[in-house]
Amino acid sequence: MTLIEVTLAVAVFSIIIAATLNVAAQAIALRAQATRVLVAGQLADALIAEIMQLPYDSTDTQQSGTVASLTALNTPILTVIPASRGNDATLADYANYKDNTPINADGSLSTNANGYRRSVTAKYVSTSNPSVESATDTGLCRITVTVTFNKRPILTRTALKANLTPKS
């Protein structure tokens, strides 16, 4: 082989190696993103499930560590949920809830949740069109849980909660 042939072979080999490394780096980044979306989905689903089990209660709630009222759902309020959320929590307690480190209902830290944050909004909505917000309690509330990773939104889940208690 001549020096020119060797140089060309090395150049072609270098291009192939660079392309392979680029594809490998993209595959690793894609897998990391898929893992983040999977974990975010699990965290959002867990919080949605926890909220959906709560009573739809339009009365003021005063419990240890909690200040919230369902009538304040459409106004910015600071809600503090105790680390170990009790059975006396209501939907109102989760309005504008945020956790910097996802915490389970029993107060334990969620596994594999470093860097994730969850936030909840709860809004009264029209019963005929749940995408339209209402200023008054219509008996239907749209709950939105947003999960971020390193302050970047990863996933948003939405659920509707209806007041099935007959009005007297």
Protein backbone atom coordinates (compact mmCIF):
# COMPACT_ATOMS: atom_id res chain seq x y z
CA MET A 1 0.00 0.00 0.00
CA THR A 2 1.11 3.45 -0.72
CA LEU A 3 1.09 6.32 1.71
CA ILE A 4 -1.91 7.86 -0.08
CA GLU A 5 -3.94 4.66 0.27
CA VAL A 6 -3.08 4.40 3.97
CA THR A 7 -4.08 8.03 4.51
CA LEU A 8 -7.41 7.50 2.72
CA ALA A 9 -8.08 4.31 4.70
CA VAL A 10 -7.41 6.12 7.99
CA ALA A 11 -9.66 9.02 6.91
CA VAL A 12 -12.54 6.67 5.98
CA PHE A 13 -12.06 4.71 9.20
CA SER A 14 -12.10 7.97 11.23
CA ILE A 15 -15.34 9.08 9.57
CA ILE A 16 -16.96 5.72 10.33
CA ILE A 17 -15.84 5.86 13.98
CA ALA A 18 -17.08 9.47 14.37
CA ALA A 19 -20.47 8.58 12.89
CA THR A 20 -20.76 5.52 15.15
CA LEU A 21 -19.93 7.56 18.25
CA ASN A 22 -22.46 10.21 17.24
CA VAL A 23 -25.20 7.59 16.84
CA ALA A 24 -24.25 6.02 20.18
CA ALA A 25 -24.40 9.41 21.94
CA GLN A 26 -27.83 10.10 20.45
CA ALA A 27 -29.07 6.66 21.53
CA ILE A 28 -27.87 7.28 25.09
CA ALA A 29 -29.56 10.70 25.18
CA LEU A 30 -32.79 9.25 23.79
CA ARG A 31 -32.78 6.47 26.37
CA ALA A 32 -32.21 9.00 29.17
CA GLN A 33 -35.14 11.10 27.91
CA ALA A 34 -37.37 8.03 27.67
CA THR A 35 -36.46 7.11 31.25
CA ARG A 36 -37.26 10.66 32.42
CA VAL A 37 -40.67 10.52 30.72
CA LEU A 38 -41.38 7.09 32.24
CA VAL A 39 -40.48 8.21 35.77
CA ALA A 40 -42.39 11.48 35.32
CA GLY A 41 -45.45 9.50 34.21
CA GLN A 42 -45.24 7.28 37.27
CA LEU A 43 -44.91 10.29 39.58
CA ALA A 44 -47.83 12.11 37.92
CA ASP A 45 -50.04 9.01 37.92
CA ALA A 46 -49.35 8.40 41.62
CA LEU A 47 -50.34 11.95 42.57
CA ILE A 48 -53.43 11.92 40.31
CA ALA A 49 -54.53 8.61 41.86
CA GLU A 50 -54.01 10.05 45.35
CA ILE A 51 -56.07 13.15 44.51
CA MET A 52 -58.86 11.20 42.78
CA GLN A 53 -59.45 9.19 45.98
CA LEU A 54 -60.14 12.38 47.95
CA PRO A 55 -63.62 13.74 48.58
CA TYR A 56 -64.81 16.62 46.44
CA ASP A 57 -65.58 18.98 49.28
CA SER A 58 -66.50 22.63 48.85
CA THR A 59 -66.12 23.51 52.53
CA ASP A 60 -63.10 25.16 54.09
CA THR A 61 -60.50 22.73 55.36
CA GLN A 62 -58.31 23.41 58.37
CA GLN A 63 -55.93 20.60 59.21
CA SER A 64 -52.47 20.49 60.67
CA GLY A 65 -50.08 22.09 58.19
CA THR A 66 -52.83 22.85 55.67
CA VAL A 67 -54.60 26.06 54.78
CA ALA A 68 -56.84 25.87 51.72
CA SER A 69 -60.40 26.22 50.58
CA LEU A 70 -62.01 24.97 47.43
CA THR A 71 -63.52 28.42 46.91
CA ALA A 72 -59.94 29.66 46.48
CA LEU A 73 -59.10 27.18 43.73
CA ASN A 74 -59.18 29.87 41.07
CA THR A 75 -56.95 32.27 43.00
CA PRO A 76 -53.26 31.86 43.76
CA ILE A 77 -52.82 30.47 47.25
CA LEU A 78 -49.99 28.78 49.04
CA THR A 79 -50.95 25.30 50.11
CA VAL A 80 -48.79 23.34 52.49
CA ILE A 81 -49.52 19.64 52.58
CA PRO A 82 -47.97 17.76 55.50
CA ALA A 83 -45.35 15.21 54.49
CA SER A 84 -47.61 12.42 55.69
CA ARG A 85 -50.98 13.27 54.20
CA GLY A 86 -53.84 12.03 56.32
CA ASN A 87 -57.25 10.63 55.49
CA ASP A 88 -58.89 13.99 56.22
CA ALA A 89 -57.38 15.73 53.17
CA THR A 90 -59.74 17.06 50.50
CA LEU A 91 -59.38 18.16 46.92
CA ALA A 92 -58.92 21.75 48.13
CA ASP A 93 -55.76 20.76 49.97
CA TYR A 94 -54.04 20.03 46.66
CA ALA A 95 -54.85 23.31 44.91
CA ASN A 96 -51.49 24.82 43.90
CA TYR A 97 -49.60 22.01 45.67
CA LYS A 98 -45.90 21.71 44.83
CA ASP A 99 -43.28 19.27 46.01
CA ASN A 100 -39.61 19.87 45.32
CA THR A 101 -38.83 16.24 46.02
CA PRO A 102 -41.76 13.94 45.24
CA ILE A 103 -43.19 12.55 48.47
CA ASN A 104 -45.61 9.64 48.67
CA ALA A 105 -48.89 9.94 50.60
CA ASP A 106 -47.33 8.09 53.56
CA GLY A 107 -44.52 10.66 53.82
CA SER A 108 -41.79 8.50 52.26
CA LEU A 109 -39.65 9.83 49.44
CA SER A 110 -40.45 8.53 45.97
CA THR A 111 -37.67 6.30 44.66
CA ASN A 112 -35.63 7.43 41.65
CA ALA A 113 -37.12 10.91 41.92
CA ASN A 114 -34.01 13.08 42.35
CA GLY A 115 -34.31 16.23 40.24
CA TYR A 116 -38.07 15.83 39.69
CA ARG A 117 -40.71 18.27 40.90
CA ARG A 118 -44.48 18.00 40.80
CA SER A 119 -47.06 20.77 40.81
CA VAL A 120 -50.84 20.63 40.89
CA THR A 121 -53.47 23.05 39.68
CA ALA A 122 -57.16 22.52 40.31
CA LYS A 123 -59.73 24.63 38.48
CA TYR A 124 -63.50 24.62 38.38
CA VAL A 125 -64.63 23.94 34.82
CA SER A 126 -67.82 23.99 32.80
CA THR A 127 -69.73 20.72 32.87
CA SER A 128 -70.57 21.05 29.18
CA ASN A 129 -66.98 21.89 28.14
CA PRO A 130 -64.23 20.93 30.63
CA SER A 131 -61.66 23.01 28.75
CA VAL A 132 -63.50 26.20 29.82
CA GLU A 133 -62.75 27.42 33.35
CA SER A 134 -65.56 28.57 35.62
CA ALA A 135 -65.43 31.19 38.37
CA THR A 136 -67.92 29.23 40.48
CA ASP A 137 -68.19 25.65 41.66
CA THR A 138 -69.94 23.73 38.89
CA GLY A 139 -69.44 20.36 40.52
CA LEU A 140 -66.60 19.55 38.12
CA CYS A 141 -62.93 20.25 38.73
CA ARG A 142 -60.01 19.83 36.32
CA ILE A 143 -56.86 18.63 38.06
CA THR A 144 -53.55 19.10 36.25
CA VAL A 145 -50.29 17.58 37.48
CA THR A 146 -47.09 18.81 35.84
CA VAL A 147 -43.78 17.04 36.41
CA THR A 148 -40.49 18.81 35.74
CA PHE A 149 -36.94 17.50 35.71
CA ASN A 150 -34.18 20.00 36.47
CA LYS A 151 -36.79 22.77 36.10
CA ARG A 152 -37.77 21.67 32.56
CA PRO A 153 -41.34 20.42 32.02
CA ILE A 154 -41.34 16.73 31.11
CA LEU A 155 -44.97 15.67 31.36
CA THR A 156 -48.47 16.95 32.17
CA ARG A 157 -51.42 14.77 33.15
CA THR A 158 -55.00 15.97 33.53
CA ALA A 159 -58.01 14.41 35.23
CA LEU A 160 -61.57 15.50 35.93
CA LYS A 161 -63.11 15.13 39.38
CA ALA A 162 -66.88 15.42 39.75
CA ASN A 163 -68.90 16.17 42.86
CA LEU A 164 -71.17 13.14 43.02
CA THR A 165 -72.72 14.14 46.35
CA PRO A 166 -76.37 15.12 45.85
CA LYS A 167 -77.09 18.74 46.76
CA SER A 168 -79.67 19.14 49.50
